[in-house]
PDB file of N, CA and C in Angstrom:
ATOM      1  N   MET A   1       0.842  -1.179   0.000  1.00  0.00           N
ATOM      2  CA  MET A   1       0.000   0.000   0.000  1.00  0.00           C
ATOM      3  C   MET A   1       0.888   1.244   0.000  1.00  0.00           C
ATOM      4  N   PRO A   2       0.584   2.222  -0.869  1.00  0.00           N
ATOM      5  CA  PRO A   2       1.393   3.437  -0.921  1.00  0.00           C
ATOM      6  C   PRO A   2       1.355   4.197   0.400  1.00  0.00           C
ATOM      7  N   THR A   3       2.434   4.858   0.684  1.00  0.00           N
ATOM      8  CA  THR A   3       2.565   5.644   1.906  1.00  0.00           C
ATOM      9  C   THR A   3       2.678   7.114   1.540  1.00  0.00           C
ATOM     10  N   THR A   4       2.148   7.969   2.375  1.00  0.00           N
ATOM     11  CA  THR A   4       2.242   9.410   2.165  1.00  0.00           C
ATOM     12  C   THR A   4       3.487   9.932   2.859  1.00  0.00           C
ATOM     13  N   LEU A   5       4.192  10.835   2.184  1.00  0.00           N
ATOM     14  CA  LEU A   5       5.402  11.427   2.720  1.00  0.00           C
ATOM     15  C   LEU A   5       5.290  12.939   2.581  1.00  0.00           C
ATOM     16  N   THR A   6       5.535  13.647   3.647  1.00  0.00           N
ATOM     17  CA  THR A   6       5.538  15.109   3.622  1.00  0.00           C
ATOM     18  C   THR A   6       6.981  15.570   3.751  1.00  0.00           C
ATOM     19  N   LEU A   7       7.401  16.434   2.845  1.00  0.00           N
ATOM     20  CA  LEU A   7       8.761  16.974   2.894  1.00  0.00           C
ATOM     21  C   LEU A   7       8.708  18.409   3.379  1.00  0.00           C
ATOM     22  N   LYS A   8       9.600  18.754   4.294  1.00  0.00           N
ATOM     23  CA  LYS A   8       9.663  20.105   4.840  1.00  0.00           C
ATOM     24  C   LYS A   8      11.041  20.697   4.581  1.00  0.00           C
ATOM     25  N   ASN A   9      11.082  21.993   4.532  1.00  0.00           N
ATOM     26  CA  ASN A   9      12.347  22.744   4.408  1.00  0.00           C
ATOM     27  C   ASN A   9      13.134  22.382   3.152  1.00  0.00           C
ATOM     28  N   ILE A  10      12.438  22.194   2.053  1.00  0.00           N
ATOM     29  CA  ILE A  10      13.103  21.921   0.775  1.00  0.00           C
ATOM     30  C   ILE A  10      13.768  23.214   0.318  1.00  0.00           C
ATOM     31  N   PRO A  11      15.055  23.165   0.022  1.00  0.00           N
ATOM     32  CA  PRO A  11      15.725  24.380  -0.457  1.00  0.00           C
ATOM     33  C   PRO A  11      15.053  24.903  -1.735  1.00  0.00           C
ATOM     34  N   ASP A  12      14.980  26.218  -1.855  1.00  0.00           N
ATOM     35  CA  ASP A  12      14.321  26.826  -3.010  1.00  0.00           C
ATOM     36  C   ASP A  12      14.889  26.334  -4.332  1.00  0.00           C
ATOM     37  N   ALA A  13      16.203  26.208  -4.412  1.00  0.00           N
ATOM     38  CA  ALA A  13      16.834  25.773  -5.661  1.00  0.00           C
ATOM     39  C   ALA A  13      16.406  24.348  -6.023  1.00  0.00           C
ATOM     40  N   VAL A  14      16.284  23.472  -5.038  1.00  0.00           N
ATOM     41  CA  VAL A  14      15.856  22.091  -5.283  1.00  0.00           C
ATOM     42  C   VAL A  14      14.404  22.077  -5.739  1.00  0.00           C
ATOM     43  N   TYR A  15      13.572  22.850  -5.059  1.00  0.00           N
ATOM     44  CA  TYR A  15      12.156  22.929  -5.428  1.00  0.00           C
ATOM     45  C   TYR A  15      11.999  23.452  -6.857  1.00  0.00           C
ATOM     46  N   ASP A  16      12.738  24.497  -7.187  1.00  0.00           N
ATOM     47  CA  ASP A  16      12.648  25.084  -8.523  1.00  0.00           C
ATOM     48  C   ASP A  16      13.053  24.079  -9.600  1.00  0.00           C
ATOM     49  N   ARG A  17      14.116  23.314  -9.341  1.00  0.00           N
ATOM     50  CA  ARG A  17      14.562  22.311 -10.323  1.00  0.00           C
ATOM     51  C   ARG A  17      13.544  21.189 -10.450  1.00  0.00           C
ATOM     52  N   LEU A  18      12.967  20.764  -9.328  1.00  0.00           N
ATOM     53  CA  LEU A  18      11.951  19.714  -9.360  1.00  0.00           C
ATOM     54  C   LEU A  18      10.714  20.181 -10.122  1.00  0.00           C
ATOM     55  N   LYS A  19      10.308  21.402  -9.862  1.00  0.00           N
ATOM     56  CA  LYS A  19       9.138  21.961 -10.541  1.00  0.00           C
ATOM     57  C   LYS A  19       9.389  22.078 -12.044  1.00  0.00           C
ATOM     58  N   ALA A  20      10.562  22.559 -12.425  1.00  0.00           N
ATOM     59  CA  ALA A  20      10.898  22.688 -13.843  1.00  0.00           C
ATOM     60  C   ALA A  20      10.943  21.316 -14.512  1.00  0.00           C
ATOM     61  N   SER A  21      11.516  20.340 -13.836  1.00  0.00           N
ATOM     62  CA  SER A  21      11.582  18.988 -14.378  1.00  0.00           C
ATOM     63  C   SER A  21      10.187  18.393 -14.534  1.00  0.00           C
ATOM     64  N   ALA A  22       9.320  18.628 -13.562  1.00  0.00           N
ATOM     65  CA  ALA A  22       7.941  18.128 -13.640  1.00  0.00           C
ATOM     66  C   ALA A  22       7.219  18.740 -14.834  1.00  0.00           C
ATOM     67  N   GLU A  23       7.381  20.029 -15.039  1.00  0.00           N
ATOM     68  CA  GLU A  23       6.744  20.695 -16.177  1.00  0.00           C
ATOM     69  C   GLU A  23       7.285  20.157 -17.493  1.00  0.00           C
ATOM     70  N   MET A  24       8.600  19.981 -17.566  1.00  0.00           N
ATOM     71  CA  MET A  24       9.215  19.488 -18.789  1.00  0.00           C
ATOM     72  C   MET A  24       8.727  18.080 -19.133  1.00  0.00           C
ATOM     73  N   ASN A  25       8.524  17.258 -18.102  1.00  0.00           N
ATOM     74  CA  ASN A  25       8.088  15.874 -18.316  1.00  0.00           C
ATOM     75  C   ASN A  25       6.572  15.704 -18.230  1.00  0.00           C
ATOM     76  N   ARG A  26       5.872  16.823 -18.094  1.00  0.00           N
ATOM     77  CA  ARG A  26       4.406  16.825 -18.008  1.00  0.00           C
ATOM     78  C   ARG A  26       3.907  15.899 -16.903  1.00  0.00           C
ATOM     79  N   ARG A  27       4.527  16.052 -15.753  1.00  0.00           N
ATOM     80  CA  ARG A  27       4.138  15.293 -14.572  1.00  0.00           C
ATOM     81  C   ARG A  27       3.742  16.267 -13.464  1.00  0.00           C
ATOM     82  N   SER A  28       2.990  15.757 -12.512  1.00  0.00           N
ATOM     83  CA  SER A  28       2.726  16.556 -11.318  1.00  0.00           C
ATOM     84  C   SER A  28       4.016  16.633 -10.512  1.00  0.00           C
ATOM     85  N   LEU A  29       4.070  17.578  -9.599  1.00  0.00           N
ATOM     86  CA  LEU A  29       5.233  17.707  -8.729  1.00  0.00           C
ATOM     87  C   LEU A  29       5.424  16.435  -7.912  1.00  0.00           C
ATOM     88  N   ASN A  30       4.331  15.860  -7.437  1.00  0.00           N
ATOM     89  CA  ASN A  30       4.382  14.620  -6.669  1.00  0.00           C
ATOM     90  C   ASN A  30       4.956  13.473  -7.499  1.00  0.00           C
ATOM     91  N   ASN A  31       4.445  13.299  -8.723  1.00  0.00           N
ATOM     92  CA  ASN A  31       4.931  12.204  -9.566  1.00  0.00           C
ATOM     93  C   ASN A  31       6.396  12.386  -9.947  1.00  0.00           C
ATOM     94  N   GLU A  32       6.792  13.629 -10.158  1.00  0.00           N
ATOM     95  CA  GLU A  32       8.204  13.880 -10.496  1.00  0.00           C
ATOM     96  C   GLU A  32       9.097  13.527  -9.323  1.00  0.00           C
ATOM     97  N   ALA A  33       8.669  13.857  -8.105  1.00  0.00           N
ATOM     98  CA  ALA A  33       9.451  13.510  -6.916  1.00  0.00           C
ATOM     99  C   ALA A  33       9.574  11.997  -6.778  1.00  0.00           C
ATOM    100  N   ILE A  34       8.487  11.279  -7.040  1.00  0.00           N
ATOM    101  CA  ILE A  34       8.523   9.813  -6.962  1.00  0.00           C
ATOM    102  C   ILE A  34       9.488   9.241  -7.990  1.00  0.00           C
ATOM    103  N   VAL A  35       9.434   9.754  -9.227  1.00  0.00           N
ATOM    104  CA  VAL A  35      10.347   9.270 -10.269  1.00  0.00           C
ATOM    105  C   VAL A  35      11.797   9.532  -9.864  1.00  0.00           C
ATOM    106  N   CYS A  36      12.067  10.714  -9.326  1.00  0.00           N
ATOM    107  CA  CYS A  36      13.439  11.031  -8.891  1.00  0.00           C
ATOM    108  C   CYS A  36      13.895  10.088  -7.791  1.00  0.00           C
ATOM    109  N   LEU A  37      13.050   9.850  -6.814  1.00  0.00           N
ATOM    110  CA  LEU A  37      13.408   8.935  -5.726  1.00  0.00           C
ATOM    111  C   LEU A  37      13.617   7.513  -6.239  1.00  0.00           C
ATOM    112  N   GLU A  38      12.735   7.050  -7.105  1.00  0.00           N
ATOM    113  CA  GLU A  38      12.890   5.696  -7.663  1.00  0.00           C
ATOM    114  C   GLU A  38      14.194   5.567  -8.448  1.00  0.00           C
ATOM    115  N   THR A  39      14.513   6.601  -9.215  1.00  0.00           N
ATOM    116  CA  THR A  39      15.730   6.569 -10.028  1.00  0.00           C
ATOM    117  C   THR A  39      16.976   6.444  -9.157  1.00  0.00           C
ATOM    118  N   ILE A  40      16.990   7.159  -8.062  1.00  0.00           N
ATOM    119  CA  ILE A  40      18.156   7.150  -7.176  1.00  0.00           C
ATOM    120  C   ILE A  40      18.188   5.926  -6.271  1.00  0.00           C
ATOM    121  N   LEU A  41      17.043   5.553  -5.728  1.00  0.00           N
ATOM    122  CA  LEU A  41      17.016   4.502  -4.709  1.00  0.00           C
ATOM    123  C   LEU A  41      16.870   3.089  -5.265  1.00  0.00           C
ATOM    124  N   THR A  42      16.376   2.954  -6.470  1.00  0.00           N
ATOM    125  CA  THR A  42      16.232   1.628  -7.086  1.00  0.00           C
ATOM    126  C   THR A  42      16.814   1.656  -8.494  1.00  0.00           C
ATOM    127  N   PRO A  43      18.111   1.918  -8.585  1.00  0.00           N
ATOM    128  CA  PRO A  43      18.726   2.026  -9.912  1.00  0.00           C
ATOM    129  C   PRO A  43      18.703   0.694 -10.661  1.00  0.00           C
ATOM    130  N   GLN A  44      18.620   0.806 -11.946  1.00  0.00           N
ATOM    131  CA  GLN A  44      18.674  -0.356 -12.828  1.00  0.00           C
ATOM    132  C   GLN A  44      20.146  -0.625 -13.138  1.00  0.00           C
ATOM    133  N   ASN A  45      20.720  -1.615 -12.509  1.00  0.00           N
ATOM    134  CA  ASN A  45      22.121  -1.938 -12.751  1.00  0.00           C
ATOM    135  C   ASN A  45      22.225  -2.875 -13.950  1.00  0.00           C
ATOM    136  N   ILE A  46      22.334  -2.265 -15.128  1.00  0.00           N
ATOM    137  CA  ILE A  46      22.495  -3.064 -16.335  1.00  0.00           C
ATOM    138  C   ILE A  46      23.817  -2.694 -16.995  1.00  0.00           C
ATOM    139  N   THR A  47      24.363  -3.637 -17.698  1.00  0.00           N
ATOM    140  CA  THR A  47      25.647  -3.408 -18.351  1.00  0.00           C
ATOM    141  C   THR A  47      25.441  -2.528 -19.580  1.00  0.00           C
ATOM    142  N   PRO A  48      26.508  -1.885 -20.043  1.00  0.00           N
ATOM    143  CA  PRO A  48      26.390  -1.080 -21.261  1.00  0.00           C
ATOM    144  C   PRO A  48      25.881  -1.899 -22.455  1.00  0.00           C
ATOM    145  N   SER A  49      26.305  -3.147 -22.560  1.00  0.00           N
ATOM    146  CA  SER A  49      25.845  -3.963 -23.699  1.00  0.00           C
ATOM    147  C   SER A  49      24.352  -4.266 -23.577  1.00  0.00           C
ATOM    148  N   GLU A  50      23.852  -4.469 -22.355  1.00  0.00           N
ATOM    149  CA  GLU A  50      22.411  -4.683 -22.168  1.00  0.00           C
ATOM    150  C   GLU A  50      21.632  -3.423 -22.537  1.00  0.00           C
ATOM    151  N   ARG A  51      22.168  -2.267 -22.155  1.00  0.00           N
ATOM    152  CA  ARG A  51      21.511  -1.005 -22.494  1.00  0.00           C
ATOM    153  C   ARG A  51      21.475  -0.806 -24.009  1.00  0.00           C
ATOM    154  N   LEU A  52      22.583  -1.130 -24.671  1.00  0.00           N
ATOM    155  CA  LEU A  52      22.616  -1.036 -26.135  1.00  0.00           C
ATOM    156  C   LEU A  52      21.617  -1.984 -26.787  1.00  0.00           C
ATOM    157  N   ASP A  53      21.545  -3.206 -26.279  1.00  0.00           N
ATOM    158  CA  ASP A  53      20.590  -4.178 -26.813  1.00  0.00           C
ATOM    159  C   ASP A  53      19.159  -3.670 -26.680  1.00  0.00           C
ATOM    160  N   ARG A  54      18.842  -3.079 -25.536  1.00  0.00           N
ATOM    161  CA  ARG A  54      17.502  -2.530 -25.332  1.00  0.00           C
ATOM    162  C   ARG A  54      17.221  -1.386 -26.304  1.00  0.00           C
ATOM    163  N   ALA A  55      18.207  -0.516 -26.479  1.00  0.00           N
ATOM    164  CA  ALA A  55      18.037   0.612 -27.395  1.00  0.00           C
ATOM    165  C   ALA A  55      17.847   0.120 -28.820  1.00  0.00           C
ATOM    166  N   ARG A  56      18.615  -0.866 -29.218  1.00  0.00           N
ATOM    167  CA  ARG A  56      18.488  -1.410 -30.575  1.00  0.00           C
ATOM    168  C   ARG A  56      17.135  -2.096 -30.773  1.00  0.00           C
ATOM    169  N   ALA A  57      16.674  -2.817 -29.765  1.00  0.00           N
ATOM    170  CA  ALA A  57      15.365  -3.471 -29.862  1.00  0.00           C
ATOM    171  C   ALA A  57      14.256  -2.429 -29.973  1.00  0.00           C
ATOM    172  N   LEU A  58      14.356  -1.362 -29.198  1.00  0.00           N
ATOM    173  CA  LEU A  58      13.361  -0.307 -29.273  1.00  0.00           C
ATOM    174  C   LEU A  58      13.391   0.358 -30.641  1.00  0.00           C
ATOM    175  N   ARG A  59      14.584   0.640 -31.126  1.00  0.00           N
ATOM    176  CA  ARG A  59      14.725   1.260 -32.444  1.00  0.00           C
ATOM    177  C   ARG A  59      14.113   0.377 -33.521  1.00  0.00           C
ATOM    178  N   ALA A  60      14.301  -0.930 -33.425  1.00  0.00           N
ATOM    179  CA  ALA A  60      13.751  -1.859 -34.419  1.00  0.00           C
ATOM    180  C   ALA A  60      12.222  -1.825 -34.426  1.00  0.00           C
ATOM    181  N   THR A  61      11.613  -1.670 -33.256  1.00  0.00           N
ATOM    182  CA  THR A  61      10.147  -1.623 -33.211  1.00  0.00           C
ATOM    183  C   THR A  61       9.611  -0.321 -33.789  1.00  0.00           C
ATOM    184  N   MET A  62      10.449   0.706 -33.858  1.00  0.00           N
ATOM    185  CA  MET A  62      10.017   2.006 -34.349  1.00  0.00           C
ATOM    186  C   MET A  62      10.413   2.252 -35.804  1.00  0.00           C
ATOM    187  N   ALA A  63      11.025   1.287 -36.450  1.00  0.00           N
ATOM    188  CA  ALA A  63      11.531   1.460 -37.814  1.00  0.00           C
ATOM    189  C   ALA A  63      10.425   1.961 -38.743  1.00  0.00           C
ATOM    190  N   GLY A  64      10.728   3.035 -39.441  1.00  0.00           N
ATOM    191  CA  GLY A  64       9.808   3.567 -40.428  1.00  0.00           C
ATOM    192  C   GLY A  64       8.711   4.453 -39.864  1.00  0.00           C
ATOM    193  N   LYS A  65       8.605   4.560 -38.563  1.00  0.00           N
ATOM    194  CA  LYS A  65       7.560   5.387 -37.959  1.00  0.00           C
ATOM    195  C   LYS A  65       8.066   6.816 -37.792  1.00  0.00           C
ATOM    196  N   VAL A  66       7.204   7.751 -38.136  1.00  0.00           N
ATOM    197  CA  VAL A  66       7.515   9.164 -37.964  1.00  0.00           C
ATOM    198  C   VAL A  66       6.401   9.776 -37.135  1.00  0.00           C
ATOM    199  N   PHE A  67       6.769  10.477 -36.083  1.00  0.00           N
ATOM    200  CA  PHE A  67       5.787  11.080 -35.203  1.00  0.00           C
ATOM    201  C   PHE A  67       5.879  12.592 -35.275  1.00  0.00           C
ATOM    202  N   SER A  68       4.730  13.233 -35.348  1.00  0.00           N
ATOM    203  CA  SER A  68       4.694  14.692 -35.328  1.00  0.00           C
ATOM    204  C   SER A  68       4.764  15.167 -33.883  1.00  0.00           C
ATOM    205  N   ALA A  69       4.979  16.456 -33.725  1.00  0.00           N
ATOM    206  CA  ALA A  69       5.039  17.020 -32.375  1.00  0.00           C
ATOM    207  C   ALA A  69       3.710  16.792 -31.648  1.00  0.00           C
ATOM    208  N   SER A  70       2.597  16.907 -32.368  1.00  0.00           N
ATOM    209  CA  SER A  70       1.292  16.691 -31.725  1.00  0.00           C
ATOM    210  C   SER A  70       1.114  15.225 -31.327  1.00  0.00           C
ATOM    211  N   ASP A  71       1.654  14.284 -32.135  1.00  0.00           N
ATOM    212  CA  ASP A  71       1.621  12.862 -31.762  1.00  0.00           C
ATOM    213  C   ASP A  71       2.377  12.644 -30.455  1.00  0.00           C
ATOM    214  N   ILE A  72       3.542  13.234 -30.358  1.00  0.00           N
ATOM    215  CA  ILE A  72       4.389  13.072 -29.168  1.00  0.00           C
ATOM    216  C   ILE A  72       3.700  13.665 -27.947  1.00  0.00           C
ATOM    217  N   ASP A  73       3.089  14.837 -28.109  1.00  0.00           N
ATOM    218  CA  ASP A  73       2.362  15.443 -26.989  1.00  0.00           C
ATOM    219  C   ASP A  73       1.220  14.542 -26.531  1.00  0.00           C
ATOM    220  N   GLU A  74       0.503  13.945 -27.477  1.00  0.00           N
ATOM    221  CA  GLU A  74      -0.598  13.052 -27.129  1.00  0.00           C
ATOM    222  C   GLU A  74      -0.082  11.809 -26.400  1.00  0.00           C
ATOM    223  N   PHE A  75       1.033  11.248 -26.846  1.00  0.00           N
ATOM    224  CA  PHE A  75       1.631  10.092 -26.163  1.00  0.00           C
ATOM    225  C   PHE A  75       1.976  10.449 -24.718  1.00  0.00           C
ATOM    226  N   LYS A  76       2.515  11.634 -24.516  1.00  0.00           N
ATOM    227  CA  LYS A  76       2.873  12.074 -23.169  1.00  0.00           C
ATOM    228  C   LYS A  76       1.637  12.154 -22.281  1.00  0.00           C
ATOM    229  N   ARG A  77       0.554  12.718 -22.841  1.00  0.00           N
ATOM    230  CA  ARG A  77      -0.685  12.814 -22.063  1.00  0.00           C
ATOM    231  C   ARG A  77      -1.247  11.435 -21.715  1.00  0.00           C
ATOM    232  N   GLN A  78      -1.051  10.468 -22.601  1.00  0.00           N
ATOM    233  CA  GLN A  78      -1.578   9.123 -22.382  1.00  0.00           C
ATOM    234  C   GLN A  78      -0.640   8.264 -21.551  1.00  0.00           C
ATOM    235  N   GLY A  79       0.542   8.717 -21.288  1.00  0.00           N
ATOM    236  CA  GLY A  79       1.493   7.914 -20.524  1.00  0.00           C
ATOM    237  C   GLY A  79       2.410   7.088 -21.408  1.00  0.00           C
ATOM    238  N   ARG A  80       2.522   7.483 -22.666  1.00  0.00           N
ATOM    239  CA  ARG A  80       3.394   6.854 -23.662  1.00  0.00           C
ATOM    240  C   ARG A  80       2.819   5.546 -24.182  1.00  0.00           C
ATOM    241  N   PRO A  81       3.146   5.233 -25.441  1.00  0.00           N
ATOM    242  CA  PRO A  81       2.594   4.014 -26.066  1.00  0.00           C
ATOM    243  C   PRO A  81       3.232   2.752 -25.545  1.00  0.00           C
TER     244      PRO A  81
END
């Protein structure tokens, strides 16, 4: 079950960067904080070759597809395809 966490005394510079990142990624401030915490606390330890394999597999699934800016914005709103 999810737990609620209240943060106090966040430095202005940290808050500003979190807010800017949330806006850039079209996430709420809460969701952006969760993503940041997950990224730091539960890192994906994969080798460079595994990362390359994943990138190549993703690229292969996208071969020949062209997305407009409006397509990309819609994917972001939907949580990505």
